[in-house]
Amino acid sequence: MDLQTRKIEFIQEFLKLQSEEAIARLEKLLKKERETGASPMTKEELNRRIDQSEADFKNNRFKRSSELLSKYK
């Protein structure tokens, strides 16, 4: 099944929904998807980010989870 057909079938099922709660969950999911952008990382980008994270850790450029949690208490 191609993407266009899947979209149409999804919309048809969406229009049948009667639950406001289900619609709210789908709206939230759609908003999150738009915010994050749905483009997956390339292998090179992932490896670059891993290398950067490891370098940051070695150079003590990080925060412990306890520090982050205390900020939001």
PDB file of N, CA and C in Angstrom:
ATOM      1  N   MET A   1       0.854  -1.176   0.000  1.00  0.00           N
ATOM      2  CA  MET A   1       0.000   0.000   0.000  1.00  0.00           C
ATOM      3  C   MET A   1       0.898   1.236   0.000  1.00  0.00           C
ATOM      4  N   ASP A   2       0.629   2.165  -0.879  1.00  0.00           N
ATOM      5  CA  ASP A   2       1.446   3.370  -0.965  1.00  0.00           C
ATOM      6  C   ASP A   2       1.041   4.384   0.110  1.00  0.00           C
ATOM      7  N   LEU A   3       1.883   5.376   0.291  1.00  0.00           N
ATOM      8  CA  LEU A   3       1.692   6.364   1.352  1.00  0.00           C
ATOM      9  C   LEU A   3       0.382   7.135   1.185  1.00  0.00           C
ATOM     10  N   GLN A   4       0.069   7.526  -0.033  1.00  0.00           N
ATOM     11  CA  GLN A   4      -1.152   8.303  -0.268  1.00  0.00           C
ATOM     12  C   GLN A   4      -2.393   7.510   0.141  1.00  0.00           C
ATOM     13  N   THR A   5      -2.432   6.236  -0.189  1.00  0.00           N
ATOM     14  CA  THR A   5      -3.566   5.383   0.170  1.00  0.00           C
ATOM     15  C   THR A   5      -3.657   5.231   1.687  1.00  0.00           C
ATOM     16  N   ARG A   6      -2.519   5.074   2.336  1.00  0.00           N
ATOM     17  CA  ARG A   6      -2.507   4.963   3.796  1.00  0.00           C
ATOM     18  C   ARG A   6      -3.037   6.221   4.453  1.00  0.00           C
ATOM     19  N   LYS A   7      -2.671   7.384   3.910  1.00  0.00           N
ATOM     20  CA  LYS A   7      -3.153   8.655   4.460  1.00  0.00           C
ATOM     21  C   LYS A   7      -4.672   8.753   4.337  1.00  0.00           C
ATOM     22  N   ILE A   8      -5.181   8.390   3.185  1.00  0.00           N
ATOM     23  CA  ILE A   8      -6.635   8.462   2.955  1.00  0.00           C
ATOM     24  C   ILE A   8      -7.367   7.528   3.909  1.00  0.00           C
ATOM     25  N   GLU A   9      -6.859   6.310   4.068  1.00  0.00           N
ATOM     26  CA  GLU A   9      -7.494   5.364   4.984  1.00  0.00           C
ATOM     27  C   GLU A   9      -7.438   5.873   6.421  1.00  0.00           C
ATOM     28  N   PHE A  10      -6.309   6.493   6.797  1.00  0.00           N
ATOM     29  CA  PHE A  10      -6.185   7.049   8.145  1.00  0.00           C
ATOM     30  C   PHE A  10      -7.222   8.151   8.362  1.00  0.00           C
ATOM     31  N   ILE A  11      -7.352   9.036   7.397  1.00  0.00           N
ATOM     32  CA  ILE A  11      -8.321  10.134   7.511  1.00  0.00           C
ATOM     33  C   ILE A  11      -9.743   9.595   7.615  1.00  0.00           C
ATOM     34  N   GLN A  12     -10.054   8.579   6.827  1.00  0.00           N
ATOM     35  CA  GLN A  12     -11.392   7.991   6.892  1.00  0.00           C
ATOM     36  C   GLN A  12     -11.671   7.413   8.279  1.00  0.00           C
ATOM     37  N   GLU A  13     -10.699   6.722   8.850  1.00  0.00           N
ATOM     38  CA  GLU A  13     -10.869   6.175  10.199  1.00  0.00           C
ATOM     39  C   GLU A  13     -10.951   7.293  11.239  1.00  0.00           C
ATOM     40  N   PHE A  14     -10.149   8.334  11.056  1.00  0.00           N
ATOM     41  CA  PHE A  14     -10.164   9.471  11.969  1.00  0.00           C
ATOM     42  C   PHE A  14     -11.546  10.121  11.993  1.00  0.00           C
ATOM     43  N   LEU A  15     -12.143  10.268  10.833  1.00  0.00           N
ATOM     44  CA  LEU A  15     -13.461  10.901  10.748  1.00  0.00           C
ATOM     45  C   LEU A  15     -14.550  10.083  11.437  1.00  0.00           C
ATOM     46  N   LYS A  16     -14.324   8.810  11.621  1.00  0.00           N
ATOM     47  CA  LYS A  16     -15.298   7.946  12.295  1.00  0.00           C
ATOM     48  C   LYS A  16     -15.188   8.023  13.815  1.00  0.00           C
ATOM     49  N   LEU A  17     -14.095   8.587  14.328  1.00  0.00           N
ATOM     50  CA  LEU A  17     -13.888   8.645  15.776  1.00  0.00           C
ATOM     51  C   LEU A  17     -14.974   9.478  16.451  1.00  0.00           C
ATOM     52  N   GLN A  18     -15.431   8.986  17.601  1.00  0.00           N
ATOM     53  CA  GLN A  18     -16.428   9.706  18.383  1.00  0.00           C
ATOM     54  C   GLN A  18     -15.864  10.151  19.736  1.00  0.00           C
ATOM     55  N   SER A  19     -14.691   9.655  20.082  1.00  0.00           N
ATOM     56  CA  SER A  19     -14.096   9.941  21.384  1.00  0.00           C
ATOM     57  C   SER A  19     -13.223  11.193  21.325  1.00  0.00           C
ATOM     58  N   GLU A  20     -13.589  12.195  22.139  1.00  0.00           N
ATOM     59  CA  GLU A  20     -12.766  13.403  22.198  1.00  0.00           C
ATOM     60  C   GLU A  20     -11.383  13.091  22.748  1.00  0.00           C
ATOM     61  N   GLU A  21     -11.333  12.127  23.658  1.00  0.00           N
ATOM     62  CA  GLU A  21     -10.056  11.738  24.254  1.00  0.00           C
ATOM     63  C   GLU A  21      -9.118  11.152  23.179  1.00  0.00           C
ATOM     64  N   ALA A  22      -9.650  10.298  22.316  1.00  0.00           N
ATOM     65  CA  ALA A  22      -8.832   9.708  21.253  1.00  0.00           C
ATOM     66  C   ALA A  22      -8.362  10.792  20.280  1.00  0.00           C
ATOM     67  N   ILE A  23      -9.229  11.720  19.950  1.00  0.00           N
ATOM     68  CA  ILE A  23      -8.862  12.807  19.048  1.00  0.00           C
ATOM     69  C   ILE A  23      -7.784  13.683  19.688  1.00  0.00           C
ATOM     70  N   ALA A  24      -7.914  13.957  20.971  1.00  0.00           N
ATOM     71  CA  ALA A  24      -6.911  14.764  21.677  1.00  0.00           C
ATOM     72  C   ALA A  24      -5.556  14.070  21.661  1.00  0.00           C
ATOM     73  N   ARG A  25      -5.551  12.746  21.863  1.00  0.00           N
ATOM     74  CA  ARG A  25      -4.278  12.006  21.830  1.00  0.00           C
ATOM     75  C   ARG A  25      -3.647  12.066  20.438  1.00  0.00           C
ATOM     76  N   LEU A  26      -4.457  11.934  19.408  1.00  0.00           N
ATOM     77  CA  LEU A  26      -3.928  12.010  18.044  1.00  0.00           C
ATOM     78  C   LEU A  26      -3.432  13.416  17.721  1.00  0.00           C
ATOM     79  N   GLU A  27      -4.142  14.436  18.192  1.00  0.00           N
ATOM     80  CA  GLU A  27      -3.682  15.815  17.991  1.00  0.00           C
ATOM     81  C   GLU A  27      -2.335  16.031  18.660  1.00  0.00           C
ATOM     82  N   LYS A  28      -2.195  15.516  19.878  1.00  0.00           N
ATOM     83  CA  LYS A  28      -0.948  15.657  20.621  1.00  0.00           C
ATOM     84  C   LYS A  28       0.193  14.947  19.879  1.00  0.00           C
ATOM     85  N   LEU A  29      -0.083  13.759  19.375  1.00  0.00           N
ATOM     86  CA  LEU A  29       0.923  13.010  18.627  1.00  0.00           C
ATOM     87  C   LEU A  29       1.322  13.750  17.352  1.00  0.00           C
ATOM     88  N   LEU A  30       0.363  14.300  16.641  1.00  0.00           N
ATOM     89  CA  LEU A  30       0.641  15.043  15.421  1.00  0.00           C
ATOM     90  C   LEU A  30       1.474  16.294  15.722  1.00  0.00           C
ATOM     91  N   LYS A  31       1.126  16.995  16.788  1.00  0.00           N
ATOM     92  CA  LYS A  31       1.878  18.196  17.172  1.00  0.00           C
ATOM     93  C   LYS A  31       3.322  17.825  17.509  1.00  0.00           C
ATOM     94  N   LYS A  32       3.499  16.753  18.265  1.00  0.00           N
ATOM     95  CA  LYS A  32       4.843  16.308  18.629  1.00  0.00           C
ATOM     96  C   LYS A  32       5.629  15.931  17.380  1.00  0.00           C
ATOM     97  N   GLU A  33       4.994  15.261  16.447  1.00  0.00           N
ATOM     98  CA  GLU A  33       5.658  14.855  15.209  1.00  0.00           C
ATOM     99  C   GLU A  33       6.098  16.067  14.400  1.00  0.00           C
ATOM    100  N   ARG A  34       5.260  17.094  14.351  1.00  0.00           N
ATOM    101  CA  ARG A  34       5.620  18.317  13.625  1.00  0.00           C
ATOM    102  C   ARG A  34       6.769  19.053  14.297  1.00  0.00           C
ATOM    103  N   GLU A  35       6.767  19.059  15.624  1.00  0.00           N
ATOM    104  CA  GLU A  35       7.810  19.767  16.368  1.00  0.00           C
ATOM    105  C   GLU A  35       9.171  19.103  16.224  1.00  0.00           C
ATOM    106  N   THR A  36       9.181  17.794  16.240  1.00  0.00           N
ATOM    107  CA  THR A  36      10.456  17.081  16.169  1.00  0.00           C
ATOM    108  C   THR A  36      10.936  16.921  14.745  1.00  0.00           C
ATOM    109  N   GLY A  37      10.062  17.120  13.789  1.00  0.00           N
ATOM    110  CA  GLY A  37      10.439  16.874  12.407  1.00  0.00           C
ATOM    111  C   GLY A  37      10.618  15.379  12.237  1.00  0.00           C
ATOM    112  N   ALA A  38      10.138  14.842  11.207  1.00  0.00           N
ATOM    113  CA  ALA A  38      10.134  13.388  11.066  1.00  0.00           C
ATOM    114  C   ALA A  38      11.303  12.895  10.234  1.00  0.00           C
ATOM    115  N   SER A  39      12.378  13.645  10.209  1.00  0.00           N
ATOM    116  CA  SER A  39      13.495  13.195   9.392  1.00  0.00           C
ATOM    117  C   SER A  39      14.482  12.397  10.238  1.00  0.00           C
ATOM    118  N   PRO A  40      14.696  11.146   9.886  1.00  0.00           N
ATOM    119  CA  PRO A  40      15.624  10.326  10.663  1.00  0.00           C
ATOM    120  C   PRO A  40      17.070  10.774  10.453  1.00  0.00           C
ATOM    121  N   MET A  41      17.897  10.486  11.437  1.00  0.00           N
ATOM    122  CA  MET A  41      19.315  10.821  11.339  1.00  0.00           C
ATOM    123  C   MET A  41      20.015   9.849  10.403  1.00  0.00           C
ATOM    124  N   THR A  42      21.010  10.361   9.731  1.00  0.00           N
ATOM    125  CA  THR A  42      21.856   9.463   8.950  1.00  0.00           C
ATOM    126  C   THR A  42      22.815   8.765   9.917  1.00  0.00           C
ATOM    127  N   LYS A  43      23.405   7.694   9.454  1.00  0.00           N
ATOM    128  CA  LYS A  43      24.371   6.976  10.283  1.00  0.00           C
ATOM    129  C   LYS A  43      25.533   7.892  10.652  1.00  0.00           C
ATOM    130  N   GLU A  44      25.954   8.713   9.706  1.00  0.00           N
ATOM    131  CA  GLU A  44      27.055   9.640   9.949  1.00  0.00           C
ATOM    132  C   GLU A  44      26.697  10.669  11.013  1.00  0.00           C
ATOM    133  N   GLU A  45      25.470  11.200  10.942  1.00  0.00           N
ATOM    134  CA  GLU A  45      25.018  12.186  11.924  1.00  0.00           C
ATOM    135  C   GLU A  45      24.943  11.551  13.311  1.00  0.00           C
ATOM    136  N   LEU A  46      24.418  10.348  13.389  1.00  0.00           N
ATOM    137  CA  LEU A  46      24.339   9.653  14.661  1.00  0.00           C
ATOM    138  C   LEU A  46      25.733   9.440  15.240  1.00  0.00           C
ATOM    139  N   ASN A  47      26.661   8.975  14.422  1.00  0.00           N
ATOM    140  CA  ASN A  47      28.035   8.757  14.894  1.00  0.00           C
ATOM    141  C   ASN A  47      28.699  10.057  15.331  1.00  0.00           C
ATOM    142  N   ARG A  48      28.434  11.163  14.605  1.00  0.00           N
ATOM    143  CA  ARG A  48      28.989  12.454  14.980  1.00  0.00           C
ATOM    144  C   ARG A  48      28.462  12.888  16.343  1.00  0.00           C
ATOM    145  N   ARG A  49      27.172  12.678  16.571  1.00  0.00           N
ATOM    146  CA  ARG A  49      26.580  13.062  17.852  1.00  0.00           C
ATOM    147  C   ARG A  49      27.113  12.200  18.995  1.00  0.00           C
ATOM    148  N   ILE A  50      27.322  10.922  18.726  1.00  0.00           N
ATOM    149  CA  ILE A  50      27.901  10.036  19.740  1.00  0.00           C
ATOM    150  C   ILE A  50      29.311  10.494  20.087  1.00  0.00           C
ATOM    151  N   ASP A  51      30.116  10.771  19.065  1.00  0.00           N
ATOM    152  CA  ASP A  51      31.485  11.251  19.284  1.00  0.00           C
ATOM    153  C   ASP A  51      31.491  12.534  20.108  1.00  0.00           C
ATOM    154  N   GLN A  52      30.581  13.457  19.788  1.00  0.00           N
ATOM    155  CA  GLN A  52      30.501  14.720  20.523  1.00  0.00           C
ATOM    156  C   GLN A  52      30.107  14.476  21.972  1.00  0.00           C
ATOM    157  N   SER A  53      29.159  13.591  22.195  1.00  0.00           N
ATOM    158  CA  SER A  53      28.722  13.281  23.558  1.00  0.00           C
ATOM    159  C   SER A  53      29.851  12.667  24.373  1.00  0.00           C
ATOM    160  N   GLU A  54      30.587  11.755  23.761  1.00  0.00           N
ATOM    161  CA  GLU A  54      31.712  11.138  24.467  1.00  0.00           C
ATOM    162  C   GLU A  54      32.793  12.169  24.798  1.00  0.00           C
ATOM    163  N   ALA A  55      33.056  13.074  23.870  1.00  0.00           N
ATOM    164  CA  ALA A  55      34.043  14.136  24.120  1.00  0.00           C
ATOM    165  C   ALA A  55      33.565  15.049  25.240  1.00  0.00           C
ATOM    166  N   ASP A  56      32.279  15.400  25.232  1.00  0.00           N
ATOM    167  CA  ASP A  56      31.728  16.240  26.294  1.00  0.00           C
ATOM    168  C   ASP A  56      31.883  15.557  27.653  1.00  0.00           C
ATOM    169  N   PHE A  57      31.605  14.269  27.702  1.00  0.00           N
ATOM    170  CA  PHE A  57      31.721  13.541  28.963  1.00  0.00           C
ATOM    171  C   PHE A  57      33.168  13.526  29.447  1.00  0.00           C
ATOM    172  N   LYS A  58      34.101  13.246  28.539  1.00  0.00           N
ATOM    173  CA  LYS A  58      35.519  13.212  28.904  1.00  0.00           C
ATOM    174  C   LYS A  58      35.990  14.562  29.433  1.00  0.00           C
ATOM    175  N   ASN A  59      35.444  15.641  28.891  1.00  0.00           N
ATOM    176  CA  ASN A  59      35.851  16.993  29.284  1.00  0.00           C
ATOM    177  C   ASN A  59      34.956  17.587  30.375  1.00  0.00           C
ATOM    178  N   ASN A  60      34.205  16.709  31.019  1.00  0.00           N
ATOM    179  CA  ASN A  60      33.361  17.106  32.151  1.00  0.00           C
ATOM    180  C   ASN A  60      32.318  18.167  31.776  1.00  0.00           C
ATOM    181  N   ARG A  61      31.827  18.108  30.558  1.00  0.00           N
ATOM    182  CA  ARG A  61      30.773  19.036  30.117  1.00  0.00           C
ATOM    183  C   ARG A  61      29.431  18.289  30.111  1.00  0.00           C
ATOM    184  N   PHE A  62      28.937  18.044  31.309  1.00  0.00           N
ATOM    185  CA  PHE A  62      27.655  17.367  31.437  1.00  0.00           C
ATOM    186  C   PHE A  62      27.061  17.692  32.792  1.00  0.00           C
ATOM    187  N   LYS A  63      25.785  17.366  32.961  1.00  0.00           N
ATOM    188  CA  LYS A  63      25.115  17.532  34.244  1.00  0.00           C
ATOM    189  C   LYS A  63      24.574  16.171  34.655  1.00  0.00           C
ATOM    190  N   ARG A  64      24.667  15.906  35.934  1.00  0.00           N
ATOM    191  CA  ARG A  64      24.116  14.662  36.473  1.00  0.00           C
ATOM    192  C   ARG A  64      22.596  14.780  36.526  1.00  0.00           C
ATOM    193  N   SER A  65      21.925  13.644  36.452  1.00  0.00           N
ATOM    194  CA  SER A  65      20.462  13.668  36.482  1.00  0.00           C
ATOM    195  C   SER A  65      19.956  14.295  37.776  1.00  0.00           C
ATOM    196  N   SER A  66      20.660  14.100  38.878  1.00  0.00           N
ATOM    197  CA  SER A  66      20.246  14.705  40.151  1.00  0.00           C
ATOM    198  C   SER A  66      20.259  16.235  40.060  1.00  0.00           C
ATOM    199  N   GLU A  67      21.235  16.787  39.327  1.00  0.00           N
ATOM    200  CA  GLU A  67      21.298  18.245  39.149  1.00  0.00           C
ATOM    201  C   GLU A  67      20.098  18.741  38.338  1.00  0.00           C
ATOM    202  N   LEU A  68      19.783  18.006  37.296  1.00  0.00           N
ATOM    203  CA  LEU A  68      18.643  18.398  36.462  1.00  0.00           C
ATOM    204  C   LEU A  68      17.328  18.282  37.230  1.00  0.00           C
ATOM    205  N   LEU A  69      17.179  17.201  37.982  1.00  0.00           N
ATOM    206  CA  LEU A  69      15.946  17.007  38.745  1.00  0.00           C
ATOM    207  C   LEU A  69      15.775  18.082  39.798  1.00  0.00           C
ATOM    208  N   SER A  70      16.859  18.476  40.470  1.00  0.00           N
ATOM    209  CA  SER A  70      16.743  19.501  41.509  1.00  0.00           C
ATOM    210  C   SER A  70      16.339  20.850  40.925  1.00  0.00           C
ATOM    211  N   LYS A  71      16.687  21.073  39.685  1.00  0.00           N
ATOM    212  CA  LYS A  71      16.319  22.335  39.014  1.00  0.00           C
ATOM    213  C   LYS A  71      14.791  22.458  38.868  1.00  0.00           C
ATOM    214  N   TYR A  72      14.094  21.331  38.729  1.00  0.00           N
ATOM    215  CA  TYR A  72      12.664  21.353  38.468  1.00  0.00           C
ATOM    216  C   TYR A  72      11.809  20.997  39.678  1.00  0.00           C
ATOM    217  N   LYS A  73      12.417  20.956  40.855  1.00  0.00           N
ATOM    218  CA  LYS A  73      11.635  20.673  42.073  1.00  0.00           C
ATOM    219  C   LYS A  73      11.021  21.933  42.615  1.00  0.00           C
TER     220      LYS A  73
END
